[in-house]
C-alpha atoms as a PDB file:
ATOM      1  CA  MET A   1       0.000   0.000   0.000  1.00  0.00           C
ATOM      2  CA  GLN A   2       1.271   3.490  -0.874  1.00  0.00           C
ATOM      3  CA  LEU A   3       0.862   5.813   2.111  1.00  0.00           C
ATOM      4  CA  GLN A   4       0.222   9.511   1.564  1.00  0.00           C
ATOM      5  CA  THR A   5      -1.163  10.756   4.903  1.00  0.00           C
ATOM      6  CA  ALA A   6      -0.639   9.210   8.334  1.00  0.00           C
ATOM      7  CA  PHE A   7      -2.030   9.966  11.783  1.00  0.00           C
ATOM      8  CA  VAL A   8       0.371   9.339  14.684  1.00  0.00           C
ATOM      9  CA  THR A   9      -0.678   9.277  18.336  1.00  0.00           C
ATOM     10  CA  GLY A  10       1.950   9.866  21.002  1.00  0.00           C
ATOM     11  CA  ALA A  11       3.864  11.897  18.432  1.00  0.00           C
ATOM     12  CA  THR A  12       6.281  13.588  20.849  1.00  0.00           C
ATOM     13  CA  GLY A  13       7.261  10.326  22.552  1.00  0.00           C
ATOM     14  CA  LEU A  14      10.388   8.312  21.899  1.00  0.00           C
ATOM     15  CA  LEU A  15       8.795   6.035  19.304  1.00  0.00           C
ATOM     16  CA  GLY A  16       6.307   8.599  18.048  1.00  0.00           C
ATOM     17  CA  ASN A  17       8.806  11.323  17.205  1.00  0.00           C
ATOM     18  CA  ASN A  18      11.123   8.932  15.394  1.00  0.00           C
ATOM     19  CA  LEU A  19       8.174   7.527  13.462  1.00  0.00           C
ATOM     20  CA  VAL A  20       7.024  11.033  12.508  1.00  0.00           C
ATOM     21  CA  ARG A  21      10.500  11.926  11.268  1.00  0.00           C
ATOM     22  CA  GLU A  22      10.763   8.761   9.182  1.00  0.00           C
ATOM     23  CA  LEU A  23       7.337   9.324   7.630  1.00  0.00           C
ATOM     24  CA  VAL A  24       8.209  12.925   6.763  1.00  0.00           C
ATOM     25  CA  ARG A  25      11.525  11.773   5.299  1.00  0.00           C
ATOM     26  CA  ARG A  26       9.551   9.505   2.969  1.00  0.00           C
ATOM     27  CA  GLY A  27       7.321  12.352   1.838  1.00  0.00           C
ATOM     28  CA  ILE A  28       4.281  11.185   3.811  1.00  0.00           C
ATOM     29  CA  ALA A  29       2.168  13.961   5.335  1.00  0.00           C
ATOM     30  CA  VAL A  30       1.690  13.525   9.088  1.00  0.00           C
ATOM     31  CA  LYS A  31      -1.053  14.540  11.470  1.00  0.00           C
ATOM     32  CA  ALA A  32       0.610  14.347  14.870  1.00  0.00           C
ATOM     33  CA  LEU A  33      -1.459  14.018  18.048  1.00  0.00           C
ATOM     34  CA  VAL A  34       0.162  15.999  20.858  1.00  0.00           C
ATOM     35  CA  ARG A  35      -0.967  16.822  24.371  1.00  0.00           C
ATOM     36  CA  SER A  36       1.471  19.708  24.831  1.00  0.00           C
ATOM     37  CA  PRO A  37       2.093  22.227  22.020  1.00  0.00           C
ATOM     38  CA  GLU A  38       5.128  23.427  23.973  1.00  0.00           C
ATOM     39  CA  LYS A  39       6.612  19.919  24.033  1.00  0.00           C
ATOM     40  CA  ALA A  40       5.788  19.519  20.339  1.00  0.00           C
ATOM     41  CA  ALA A  41       7.658  22.731  19.571  1.00  0.00           C
ATOM     42  CA  ARG A  42      10.687  21.460  21.493  1.00  0.00           C
ATOM     43  CA  GLN A  43      10.537  18.107  19.760  1.00  0.00           C
ATOM     44  CA  PHE A  44       9.921  19.120  16.165  1.00  0.00           C
ATOM     45  CA  GLY A  45      10.919  22.782  15.910  1.00  0.00           C
ATOM     46  CA  SER A  46      10.285  23.930  12.347  1.00  0.00           C
ATOM     47  CA  LEU A  47      10.167  20.432  10.824  1.00  0.00           C
ATOM     48  CA  ALA A  48       7.949  20.638   7.730  1.00  0.00           C
ATOM     49  CA  GLY A  49       5.292  18.137   6.762  1.00  0.00           C
ATOM     50  CA  ILE A  50       3.563  17.942  10.151  1.00  0.00           C
ATOM     51  CA  GLU A  51       0.116  19.113  11.184  1.00  0.00           C
ATOM     52  CA  LEU A  52      -0.178  19.223  14.971  1.00  0.00           C
ATOM     53  CA  VAL A  53      -3.465  17.953  16.418  1.00  0.00           C
ATOM     54  CA  HIS A  54      -4.004  18.929  20.055  1.00  0.00           C
ATOM     55  CA  GLY A  55      -5.695  16.200  22.092  1.00  0.00           C
ATOM     56  CA  ASP A  56      -5.230  13.144  24.278  1.00  0.00           C
ATOM     57  CA  MET A  57      -6.246   9.492  24.438  1.00  0.00           C
ATOM     58  CA  GLU A  58      -8.763  10.068  27.213  1.00  0.00           C
ATOM     59  CA  HIS A  59     -10.953  12.103  24.834  1.00  0.00           C
ATOM     60  CA  VAL A  60     -10.618  10.455  21.432  1.00  0.00           C
ATOM     61  CA  ALA A  61     -13.934  11.770  20.103  1.00  0.00           C
ATOM     62  CA  ALA A  62     -12.682  15.338  20.575  1.00  0.00           C
ATOM     63  CA  PHE A  63     -10.001  14.959  17.886  1.00  0.00           C
ATOM     64  CA  SER A  64     -11.653  12.267  15.769  1.00  0.00           C
ATOM     65  CA  ALA A  65     -12.465  14.620  12.870  1.00  0.00           C
ATOM     66  CA  ALA A  66      -8.719  14.975  12.228  1.00  0.00           C
ATOM     67  CA  LEU A  67      -8.578  11.258  11.396  1.00  0.00           C
ATOM     68  CA  ARG A  68     -10.565  11.782   8.211  1.00  0.00           C
ATOM     69  CA  GLY A  69      -8.509  11.592   5.055  1.00  0.00           C
ATOM     70  CA  CYS A  70      -5.689   9.563   6.603  1.00  0.00           C
ATOM     71  CA  ASP A  71      -4.492   6.337   4.988  1.00  0.00           C
ATOM     72  CA  VAL A  72      -3.324   4.856   8.274  1.00  0.00           C
ATOM     73  CA  VAL A  73      -3.333   5.452  12.016  1.00  0.00           C
ATOM     74  CA  PHE A  74      -0.155   4.606  13.934  1.00  0.00           C
ATOM     75  CA  HIS A  75      -1.125   4.261  17.584  1.00  0.00           C
ATOM     76  CA  THR A  76       2.028   4.745  19.675  1.00  0.00           C
ATOM     77  CA  ALA A  77       0.535   6.617  22.666  1.00  0.00           C
ATOM     78  CA  ALA A  78       0.269   4.806  25.991  1.00  0.00           C
ATOM     79  CA  PHE A  79       0.335   5.481  29.697  1.00  0.00           C
ATOM     80  CA  PHE A  80       3.427   3.672  30.970  1.00  0.00           C
ATOM     81  CA  ARG A  81       4.815   5.707  33.827  1.00  0.00           C
ATOM     82  CA  ASP A  82       2.952   3.786  36.501  1.00  0.00           C
ATOM     83  CA  ASN A  83       6.146   1.915  37.383  1.00  0.00           C
ATOM     84  CA  TYR A  84       7.972   5.225  37.762  1.00  0.00           C
ATOM     85  CA  LYS A  85       5.569   6.708  40.289  1.00  0.00           C
ATOM     86  CA  GLY A  86       4.826   3.820  42.608  1.00  0.00           C
ATOM     87  CA  GLY A  87       1.373   2.910  43.807  1.00  0.00           C
ATOM     88  CA  SER A  88      -1.572   1.661  41.770  1.00  0.00           C
ATOM     89  CA  HIS A  89      -2.692   3.275  38.504  1.00  0.00           C
ATOM     90  CA  TRP A  90      -5.023   0.667  37.049  1.00  0.00           C
ATOM     91  CA  GLN A  91      -7.906   3.031  36.369  1.00  0.00           C
ATOM     92  CA  THR A  92      -5.669   5.363  34.358  1.00  0.00           C
ATOM     93  CA  LEU A  93      -4.073   2.422  32.527  1.00  0.00           C
ATOM     94  CA  GLN A  94      -7.485   1.061  31.602  1.00  0.00           C
ATOM     95  CA  ARG A  95      -8.850   4.451  30.578  1.00  0.00           C
ATOM     96  CA  ILE A  96      -5.917   5.380  28.325  1.00  0.00           C
ATOM     97  CA  ASN A  97      -4.386   2.117  27.153  1.00  0.00           C
ATOM     98  CA  VAL A  98      -7.433  -0.135  26.906  1.00  0.00           C
ATOM     99  CA  ASP A  99     -10.482   2.081  26.435  1.00  0.00           C
ATOM    100  CA  GLY A 100      -8.466   4.650  24.477  1.00  0.00           C
ATOM    101  CA  SER A 101      -7.235   2.044  21.984  1.00  0.00           C
ATOM    102  CA  ALA A 102     -10.762   0.716  21.501  1.00  0.00           C
ATOM    103  CA  ALA A 103     -12.117   4.228  20.984  1.00  0.00           C
ATOM    104  CA  LEU A 104      -9.336   5.152  18.560  1.00  0.00           C
ATOM    105  CA  ILE A 105      -9.778   2.242  16.162  1.00  0.00           C
ATOM    106  CA  GLY A 106     -13.546   2.763  16.305  1.00  0.00           C
ATOM    107  CA  GLN A 107     -13.319   6.468  15.534  1.00  0.00           C
ATOM    108  CA  ALA A 108     -10.739   5.840  12.803  1.00  0.00           C
ATOM    109  CA  TYR A 109     -13.120   3.421  11.113  1.00  0.00           C
ATOM    110  CA  ARG A 110     -16.016   5.872  11.365  1.00  0.00           C
ATOM    111  CA  GLN A 111     -13.852   8.539   9.723  1.00  0.00           C
ATOM    112  CA  GLY A 112     -13.068   6.282   6.785  1.00  0.00           C
ATOM    113  CA  VAL A 113      -9.617   4.995   7.825  1.00  0.00           C
ATOM    114  CA  ARG A 114      -9.112   1.335   6.928  1.00  0.00           C
ATOM    115  CA  ARG A 115      -5.546   0.732   8.098  1.00  0.00           C
ATOM    116  CA  PHE A 116      -4.346   0.743  11.706  1.00  0.00           C
ATOM    117  CA  VAL A 117      -1.044  -0.170  13.399  1.00  0.00           C
ATOM    118  CA  GLN A 118      -1.240  -0.941  17.099  1.00  0.00           C
ATOM    119  CA  THR A 119       1.898  -0.488  19.179  1.00  0.00           C
ATOM    120  CA  SER A 120       1.734  -3.511  21.423  1.00  0.00           C
ATOM    121  CA  SER A 121       4.634  -4.709  23.593  1.00  0.00           C
ATOM    122  CA  ILE A 122       6.712  -7.738  24.447  1.00  0.00           C
ATOM    123  CA  ALA A 123       4.729  -7.457  27.685  1.00  0.00           C
ATOM    124  CA  VAL A 124       1.890  -9.359  26.004  1.00  0.00           C
ATOM    125  CA  LEU A 125       4.089 -12.437  25.535  1.00  0.00           C
ATOM    126  CA  ASN A 126       5.030 -14.964  28.187  1.00  0.00           C
ATOM    127  CA  GLY A 127       8.739 -15.598  27.941  1.00  0.00           C
ATOM    128  CA  VAL A 128      10.339 -18.886  28.911  1.00  0.00           C
ATOM    129  CA  PRO A 129      13.641 -18.518  30.789  1.00  0.00           C
ATOM    130  CA  GLY A 130      16.554 -19.136  28.450  1.00  0.00           C
ATOM    131  CA  LEU A 131      14.439 -19.799  25.340  1.00  0.00           C
ATOM    132  CA  ALA A 132      13.561 -17.596  22.373  1.00  0.00           C
ATOM    133  CA  VAL A 133       9.863 -16.677  22.329  1.00  0.00           C
ATOM    134  CA  ASP A 134       7.738 -15.924  19.275  1.00  0.00           C
ATOM    135  CA  GLU A 135       4.424 -14.108  18.753  1.00  0.00           C
ATOM    136  CA  THR A 136       2.320 -17.150  19.660  1.00  0.00           C
ATOM    137  CA  ARG A 137       3.294 -17.189  23.351  1.00  0.00           C
ATOM    138  CA  GLU A 138       0.560 -14.919  24.677  1.00  0.00           C
ATOM    139  CA  ARG A 139       0.601 -14.033  28.354  1.00  0.00           C
ATOM    140  CA  ASP A 140      -2.441 -14.708  30.514  1.00  0.00           C
ATOM    141  CA  PRO A 141      -3.767 -11.326  31.755  1.00  0.00           C
ATOM    142  CA  ALA A 142      -4.154 -12.887  35.217  1.00  0.00           C
ATOM    143  CA  ASP A 143      -0.382 -13.463  35.256  1.00  0.00           C
ATOM    144  CA  ALA A 144       0.525  -9.854  34.508  1.00  0.00           C
ATOM    145  CA  ASP A 145       1.170  -6.638  36.395  1.00  0.00           C
ATOM    146  CA  ASP A 146      -1.146  -3.719  35.711  1.00  0.00           C
ATOM    147  CA  TYR A 147       0.794  -2.224  32.797  1.00  0.00           C
ATOM    148  CA  TYR A 148       1.291  -5.590  31.116  1.00  0.00           C
ATOM    149  CA  ARG A 149      -2.406  -6.377  31.592  1.00  0.00           C
ATOM    150  CA  SER A 150      -3.407  -3.067  30.032  1.00  0.00           C
ATOM    151  CA  LYS A 151      -1.335  -3.818  26.913  1.00  0.00           C
ATOM    152  CA  ILE A 152      -2.801  -7.313  26.617  1.00  0.00           C
ATOM    153  CA  LEU A 153      -6.355  -5.994  26.914  1.00  0.00           C
ATOM    154  CA  ALA A 154      -5.639  -3.161  24.458  1.00  0.00           C
ATOM    155  CA  ASP A 155      -4.563  -5.734  21.883  1.00  0.00           C
ATOM    156  CA  HIS A 156      -7.682  -7.771  22.615  1.00  0.00           C
ATOM    157  CA  ALA A 157      -9.798  -4.675  21.950  1.00  0.00           C
ATOM    158  CA  VAL A 158      -8.153  -4.142  18.551  1.00  0.00           C
ATOM    159  CA  LEU A 159      -8.480  -7.805  17.565  1.00  0.00           C
ATOM    160  CA  ALA A 160     -12.128  -7.878  18.703  1.00  0.00           C
ATOM    161  CA  PHE A 161     -12.808  -4.857  16.475  1.00  0.00           C
ATOM    162  CA  LEU A 162     -11.347  -6.718  13.493  1.00  0.00           C
ATOM    163  CA  GLU A 163     -13.753  -9.595  14.081  1.00  0.00           C
ATOM    164  CA  LYS A 164     -16.715  -7.214  13.866  1.00  0.00           C
ATOM    165  CA  PHE A 165     -15.317  -5.134  10.996  1.00  0.00           C
ATOM    166  CA  PRO A 166     -13.165  -7.391   8.781  1.00  0.00           C
ATOM    167  CA  ASP A 167     -12.689  -4.632   6.199  1.00  0.00           C
ATOM    168  CA  MET A 168     -10.481  -2.816   8.728  1.00  0.00           C
ATOM    169  CA  HIS A 169      -6.826  -3.818   8.351  1.00  0.00           C
ATOM    170  CA  ALA A 170      -4.830  -3.751  11.599  1.00  0.00           C
ATOM    171  CA  SER A 171      -1.398  -5.129  12.471  1.00  0.00           C
ATOM    172  CA  LEU A 172       0.291  -5.175  15.874  1.00  0.00           C
ATOM    173  CA  VAL A 173       3.982  -4.387  16.437  1.00  0.00           C
ATOM    174  CA  LEU A 174       5.595  -5.611  19.680  1.00  0.00           C
ATOM    175  CA  PRO A 175       8.635  -3.515  20.690  1.00  0.00           C
ATOM    176  CA  GLY A 176      11.152  -4.341  23.364  1.00  0.00           C
ATOM    177  CA  TRP A 177      12.858  -1.768  25.613  1.00  0.00           C
ATOM    178  CA  MET A 178      13.225   1.175  23.251  1.00  0.00           C
ATOM    179  CA  TRP A 179      16.278   3.434  23.125  1.00  0.00           C
ATOM    180  CA  GLY A 180      17.021   6.258  20.745  1.00  0.00           C
ATOM    181  CA  PRO A 181      17.577   9.970  20.162  1.00  0.00           C
ATOM    182  CA  GLY A 182      14.765  12.421  20.767  1.00  0.00           C
ATOM    183  CA  ASP A 183      13.862  10.939  24.167  1.00  0.00           C
ATOM    184  CA  ILE A 184      12.831  14.198  25.815  1.00  0.00           C
ATOM    185  CA  GLY A 185      10.600  12.476  28.426  1.00  0.00           C
ATOM    186  CA  PRO A 186      12.892  10.920  29.250  1.00  0.00           C
ATOM    187  CA  THR A 187      11.650   7.333  29.207  1.00  0.00           C
ATOM    188  CA  SER A 188      13.281   4.741  31.454  1.00  0.00           C
ATOM    189  CA  SER A 189      15.998   4.079  28.857  1.00  0.00           C
ATOM    190  CA  GLY A 190      16.909   7.732  28.603  1.00  0.00           C
ATOM    191  CA  GLN A 191      16.979   8.005  32.387  1.00  0.00           C
ATOM    192  CA  VAL A 192      19.277   4.991  32.640  1.00  0.00           C
ATOM    193  CA  ALA A 193      21.626   6.558  30.096  1.00  0.00           C
ATOM    194  CA  LEU A 194      21.638   9.884  31.933  1.00  0.00           C
ATOM    195  CA  ASP A 195      22.075   8.368  35.396  1.00  0.00           C
ATOM    196  CA  THR A 196      24.888   6.106  34.198  1.00  0.00           C
ATOM    197  CA  VAL A 197      26.870   8.895  32.553  1.00  0.00           C
ATOM    198  CA  LEU A 198      26.277  11.266  35.483  1.00  0.00           C
ATOM    199  CA  GLY A 199      27.435   8.638  38.006  1.00  0.00           C
ATOM    200  CA  LYS A 200      24.091   8.344  39.774  1.00  0.00           C
ATOM    201  CA  LEU A 201      23.739   4.562  39.661  1.00  0.00           C
ATOM    202  CA  PRO A 202      24.471   3.010  43.084  1.00  0.00           C
ATOM    203  CA  GLY A 203      25.113  -0.403  41.543  1.00  0.00           C
ATOM    204  CA  LEU A 204      23.903  -2.948  39.017  1.00  0.00           C
ATOM    205  CA  VAL A 205      20.418  -4.411  39.148  1.00  0.00           C
ATOM    206  CA  PRO A 206      19.324  -7.948  38.257  1.00  0.00           C
ATOM    207  CA  GLY A 207      17.222  -8.888  35.305  1.00  0.00           C
ATOM    208  CA  SER A 208      17.503  -8.904  31.551  1.00  0.00           C
ATOM    209  CA  PHE A 209      15.998  -6.803  28.802  1.00  0.00           C
ATOM    210  CA  SER A 210      15.433  -6.829  25.056  1.00  0.00           C
ATOM    211  CA  VAL A 211      17.037  -3.608  23.821  1.00  0.00           C
ATOM    212  CA  VAL A 212      15.864  -2.095  20.527  1.00  0.00           C
ATOM    213  CA  ASP A 213      16.374   1.172  18.678  1.00  0.00           C
ATOM    214  CA  ALA A 214      13.128   3.160  18.450  1.00  0.00           C
ATOM    215  CA  ARG A 215      14.003   4.007  14.844  1.00  0.00           C
ATOM    216  CA  ASP A 216      14.003   0.298  13.977  1.00  0.00           C
ATOM    217  CA  VAL A 217      10.596  -0.042  15.618  1.00  0.00           C
ATOM    218  CA  ALA A 218       9.389   2.893  13.532  1.00  0.00           C
ATOM    219  CA  LEU A 219      10.560   1.111  10.385  1.00  0.00           C
ATOM    220  CA  ALA A 220       8.732  -2.022  11.529  1.00  0.00           C
ATOM    221  CA  GLN A 221       5.552  -0.005  12.008  1.00  0.00           C
ATOM    222  CA  ILE A 222       5.694   1.452   8.507  1.00  0.00           C
ATOM    223  CA  ALA A 223       6.407  -1.986   7.046  1.00  0.00           C
ATOM    224  CA  ALA A 224       3.456  -3.409   9.000  1.00  0.00           C
ATOM    225  CA  ALA A 225       1.195  -0.718   7.528  1.00  0.00           C
ATOM    226  CA  GLU A 226       2.435  -1.322   4.003  1.00  0.00           C
ATOM    227  CA  ARG A 227       2.658  -5.120   3.887  1.00  0.00           C
ATOM    228  CA  GLY A 228       1.807  -6.628   7.271  1.00  0.00           C
ATOM    229  CA  ARG A 229      -1.084  -9.065   7.502  1.00  0.00           C
ATOM    230  CA  SER A 230      -4.228  -7.965   9.277  1.00  0.00           C
ATOM    231  CA  GLY A 231      -4.648  -9.356  12.776  1.00  0.00           C
ATOM    232  CA  GLU A 232      -1.010 -10.458  12.973  1.00  0.00           C
ATOM    233  CA  ARG A 233       1.574  -9.667  15.642  1.00  0.00           C
ATOM    234  CA  TYR A 234       5.119  -8.713  14.669  1.00  0.00           C
ATOM    235  CA  LEU A 235       7.994  -8.688  17.148  1.00  0.00           C
ATOM    236  CA  ALA A 236      10.431  -5.768  17.101  1.00  0.00           C
ATOM    237  CA  ALA A 237      12.131  -6.570  20.377  1.00  0.00           C
ATOM    238  CA  GLY A 238      15.830  -6.290  19.593  1.00  0.00           C
ATOM    239  CA  ARG A 239      18.781  -7.801  21.445  1.00  0.00           C
ATOM    240  CA  HIS A 240      18.740  -9.713  24.725  1.00  0.00           C
ATOM    241  CA  MET A 241      21.005  -8.030  27.294  1.00  0.00           C
ATOM    242  CA  THR A 242      21.557  -7.981  31.027  1.00  0.00           C
ATOM    243  CA  MET A 243      22.292  -4.816  32.965  1.00  0.00           C
ATOM    244  CA  ARG A 244      25.724  -6.304  33.692  1.00  0.00           C
ATOM    245  CA  GLU A 245      26.318  -6.041  29.921  1.00  0.00           C
ATOM    246  CA  LEU A 246      24.457  -2.817  29.162  1.00  0.00           C
ATOM    247  CA  ILE A 247      25.793  -0.480  31.869  1.00  0.00           C
ATOM    248  CA  PRO A 248      29.505  -1.101  31.122  1.00  0.00           C
ATOM    249  CA  LEU A 249      28.697  -0.603  27.424  1.00  0.00           C
ATOM    250  CA  ILE A 250      27.245   2.840  28.196  1.00  0.00           C
ATOM    251  CA  GLY A 251      30.300   3.630  30.288  1.00  0.00           C
ATOM    252  CA  ARG A 252      32.774   2.641  27.560  1.00  0.00           C
ATOM    253  CA  ILE A 253      30.982   4.728  24.951  1.00  0.00           C
ATOM    254  CA  ALA A 254      30.584   7.755  27.248  1.00  0.00           C
ATOM    255  CA  GLY A 255      34.078   7.449  28.678  1.00  0.00           C
ATOM    256  CA  VAL A 256      32.954   7.151  32.325  1.00  0.00           C
ATOM    257  CA  ALA A 257      33.429   4.611  35.084  1.00  0.00           C
ATOM    258  CA  THR A 258      30.392   2.472  35.947  1.00  0.00           C
ATOM    259  CA  PRO A 259      29.411   0.376  38.992  1.00  0.00           C
ATOM    260  CA  LYS A 260      30.575  -3.236  39.047  1.00  0.00           C
ATOM    261  CA  ARG A 261      28.757  -4.684  42.049  1.00  0.00           C
ATOM    262  CA  MET A 262      25.266  -6.135  41.928  1.00  0.00           C
ATOM    263  CA  LEU A 263      22.827  -4.647  44.420  1.00  0.00           C
ATOM    264  CA  PRO A 264      21.262  -7.323  46.646  1.00  0.00           C
ATOM    265  CA  LEU A 265      17.492  -7.698  46.365  1.00  0.00           C
ATOM    266  CA  PRO A 266      16.678  -6.560  49.938  1.00  0.00           C
ATOM    267  CA  LEU A 267      18.594  -3.339  49.289  1.00  0.00           C
ATOM    268  CA  LEU A 268      16.834  -2.859  45.954  1.00  0.00           C
ATOM    269  CA  PHE A 269      13.413  -3.155  47.573  1.00  0.00           C
ATOM    270  CA  ALA A 270      14.465  -0.716  50.288  1.00  0.00           C
ATOM    271  CA  LEU A 271      15.728   1.796  47.711  1.00  0.00           C
ATOM    272  CA  ALA A 272      12.536   1.395  45.690  1.00  0.00           C
ATOM    273  CA  GLY A 273      10.438   2.075  48.781  1.00  0.00           C
ATOM    274  CA  LEU A 274      12.373   5.258  49.480  1.00  0.00           C
ATOM    275  CA  GLN A 275      12.020   6.368  45.865  1.00  0.00           C
ATOM    276  CA  GLU A 276       8.266   5.832  45.974  1.00  0.00           C
ATOM    277  CA  ILE A 277       8.072   8.102  49.030  1.00  0.00           C
ATOM    278  CA  TYR A 278      10.089  10.690  47.099  1.00  0.00           C
ATOM    279  CA  ALA A 279       7.734  10.357  44.116  1.00  0.00           C
ATOM    280  CA  ARG A 280       4.665  10.943  46.280  1.00  0.00           C
ATOM    281  CA  LEU A 281       6.220  14.002  47.932  1.00  0.00           C
ATOM    282  CA  SER A 282       7.746  15.559  44.816  1.00  0.00           C
ATOM    283  CA  GLY A 283       5.363  14.434  42.089  1.00  0.00           C
ATOM    284  CA  LYS A 284       8.394  13.562  39.964  1.00  0.00           C
ATOM    285  CA  PRO A 285       8.915  10.209  38.184  1.00  0.00           C
ATOM    286  CA  ILE A 286      11.462   7.776  39.584  1.00  0.00           C
ATOM    287  CA  LEU A 287      13.642   5.143  37.968  1.00  0.00           C
ATOM    288  CA  LEU A 288      13.050   2.369  40.486  1.00  0.00           C
ATOM    289  CA  SER A 289       9.722   1.421  42.065  1.00  0.00           C
ATOM    290  CA  ILE A 290       8.748  -1.691  44.004  1.00  0.00           C
ATOM    291  CA  ALA A 291       6.747  -2.840  40.967  1.00  0.00           C
ATOM    292  CA  THR A 292       9.842  -2.399  38.790  1.00  0.00           C
ATOM    293  CA  VAL A 293      11.989  -4.526  41.108  1.00  0.00           C
ATOM    294  CA  ARG A 294       9.362  -7.263  41.213  1.00  0.00           C
ATOM    295  CA  LEU A 295       9.122  -7.194  37.429  1.00  0.00           C
ATOM    296  CA  MET A 296      12.899  -7.415  36.941  1.00  0.00           C
ATOM    297  CA  VAL A 297      13.052 -10.470  39.173  1.00  0.00           C
ATOM    298  CA  LYS A 298      10.065 -12.158  37.542  1.00  0.00           C
ATOM    299  CA  GLU A 299      11.130 -11.486  33.949  1.00  0.00           C
ATOM    300  CA  ALA A 300      14.839 -12.313  34.353  1.00  0.00           C
ATOM    301  CA  ASP A 301      16.094 -14.227  31.300  1.00  0.00           C
ATOM    302  CA  ARG A 302      12.612 -14.130  29.737  1.00  0.00           C
ATOM    303  CA  THR A 303      13.623 -11.512  27.168  1.00  0.00           C
ATOM    304  CA  ARG A 304      14.932 -13.647  24.332  1.00  0.00           C
ATOM    305  CA  PHE A 305      12.738 -13.289  21.244  1.00  0.00           C
ATOM    306  CA  ASN A 306      12.518 -14.940  17.841  1.00  0.00           C
ATOM    307  CA  HIS A 307      12.136 -12.280  15.123  1.00  0.00           C
ATOM    308  CA  ALA A 308      11.937 -14.692  12.200  1.00  0.00           C
ATOM    309  CA  LYS A 309       8.376 -13.713  11.281  1.00  0.00           C
ATOM    310  CA  SER A 310       9.134  -9.965  11.283  1.00  0.00           C
ATOM    311  CA  GLU A 311      12.335 -10.502   9.329  1.00  0.00           C
ATOM    312  CA  ARG A 312      10.528 -12.653   6.768  1.00  0.00           C
ATOM    313  CA  GLU A 313       7.325 -10.631   6.325  1.00  0.00           C
ATOM    314  CA  LEU A 314       8.454  -7.073   7.146  1.00  0.00           C
ATOM    315  CA  GLY A 315      12.132  -7.209   6.211  1.00  0.00           C
ATOM    316  CA  LEU A 316      12.985  -6.115   9.759  1.00  0.00           C
ATOM    317  CA  LYS A 317      16.626  -5.614  10.712  1.00  0.00           C
ATOM    318  CA  PHE A 318      18.250  -4.246  13.868  1.00  0.00           C
ATOM    319  CA  ARG A 319      21.166  -1.830  14.061  1.00  0.00           C
ATOM    320  CA  PRO A 320      23.891  -2.623  16.630  1.00  0.00           C
ATOM    321  CA  VAL A 321      23.046  -1.616  20.216  1.00  0.00           C
ATOM    322  CA  GLU A 322      26.441   0.089  20.386  1.00  0.00           C
ATOM    323  CA  ASP A 323      25.419   2.486  17.620  1.00  0.00           C
ATOM    324  CA  THR A 324      22.136   3.259  19.335  1.00  0.00           C
ATOM    325  CA  VAL A 325      23.757   3.993  22.705  1.00  0.00           C
ATOM    326  CA  ARG A 326      26.384   6.174  21.035  1.00  0.00           C
ATOM    327  CA  GLU A 327      23.698   8.257  19.310  1.00  0.00           C
ATOM    328  CA  VAL A 328      21.594   8.517  22.475  1.00  0.00           C
ATOM    329  CA  ILE A 329      24.553   9.924  24.418  1.00  0.00           C
ATOM    330  CA  ALA A 330      25.475  12.257  21.580  1.00  0.00           C
ATOM    331  CA  TRP A 331      21.890  13.547  21.426  1.00  0.00           C
ATOM    332  CA  TYR A 332      21.762  14.248  25.167  1.00  0.00           C
ATOM    333  CA  ARG A 333      25.079  16.085  24.901  1.00  0.00           C
ATOM    334  CA  GLU A 334      23.719  18.183  22.040  1.00  0.00           C
ATOM    335  CA  GLN A 335      20.744  19.068  24.244  1.00  0.00           C
ATOM    336  CA  GLN A 336      23.196  19.941  27.069  1.00  0.00           C
ATOM    337  CA  TRP A 337      21.632  17.348  29.358  1.00  0.00           C
ATOM    338  CA  LEU A 338      25.086  15.797  29.592  1.00  0.00           C
ATOM    339  CA  PRO A 339      28.487  17.541  29.675  1.00  0.00           C
ATOM    340  CA  LEU A 340      30.509  17.516  26.473  1.00  0.00           C
ATOM    341  CA  GLN A 341      33.247  14.934  26.518  1.00  0.00           C
ATOM    342  CA  SER A 342      35.142  12.945  23.931  1.00  0.00           C
ATOM    343  CA  ASP A 343      33.470   9.568  23.499  1.00  0.00           C
ATOM    344  CA  ALA A 344      35.571   6.559  24.304  1.00  0.00           C
ATOM    345  CA  ASN A 345      35.393   3.229  22.525  1.00  0.00           C
END
């Protein structure tokens, strides 16, 4: 399918902004959903080819008219900061991630859009320790934390819509832990990069992750829109890594020393508890919550994924993690979030 106009939710986010830039680079006009015009101005500046649409996923009907005339909707917006605040946020997760996704695909269809790409997550899959997992290994919602459950139920809402309206074409892309330039949030990956370079990490944490460049996920999304099969999931999870591998890599590239000792679990839970108190008092996001620690322990070595289907059907490839980390650090230095320093490697 030849795309001419695309609608992107979550346009200022890490995935969203890189997707917008790639679409514009290809000559595709973009309608970008943004909650904050000020943040959009910081993110995109004078970048041509973008029409900003002010709105949010809690009130989809309010911006639904802007969907008309679009060839595809890329849904990248999600509420995911529950783990960085502590406490319970299920109602917000359900309202934005689940109900918002259902409302968006419904409104898109009503406005004449017949192609939809849902940004899912590796969270919807149940990894097996030490084994590579493919798209068929769906996680039981009862065996998931609140964020994971919200992503599972959001996917269910999209797939249920397809059953009722088979002329709607929707594919689902499942990213891993995304890293990349333009992370003005910052997301957890950007915060890890910043804290590592600034010497704020007290030690290494357990667990493993599937690290992927957000720009590669953006390419997977476009490929899913153009040639993905309707109702199909496509992994874009990236490379399996432990923090014992990732943190020293950041240090080598940034030219800084990094912690070598693993933090014991009791200390991690204590630190997470203190950070949650800080979050409640300050209103600021935190890197480590009790839910995050529990998740790292539970998902350890469950982040190995088989990308054969995405490689075969979407032509998906992944750039080296080293290149991604190097560009993330360079971007933060350009933004003066990090001091200028000659990269080492």
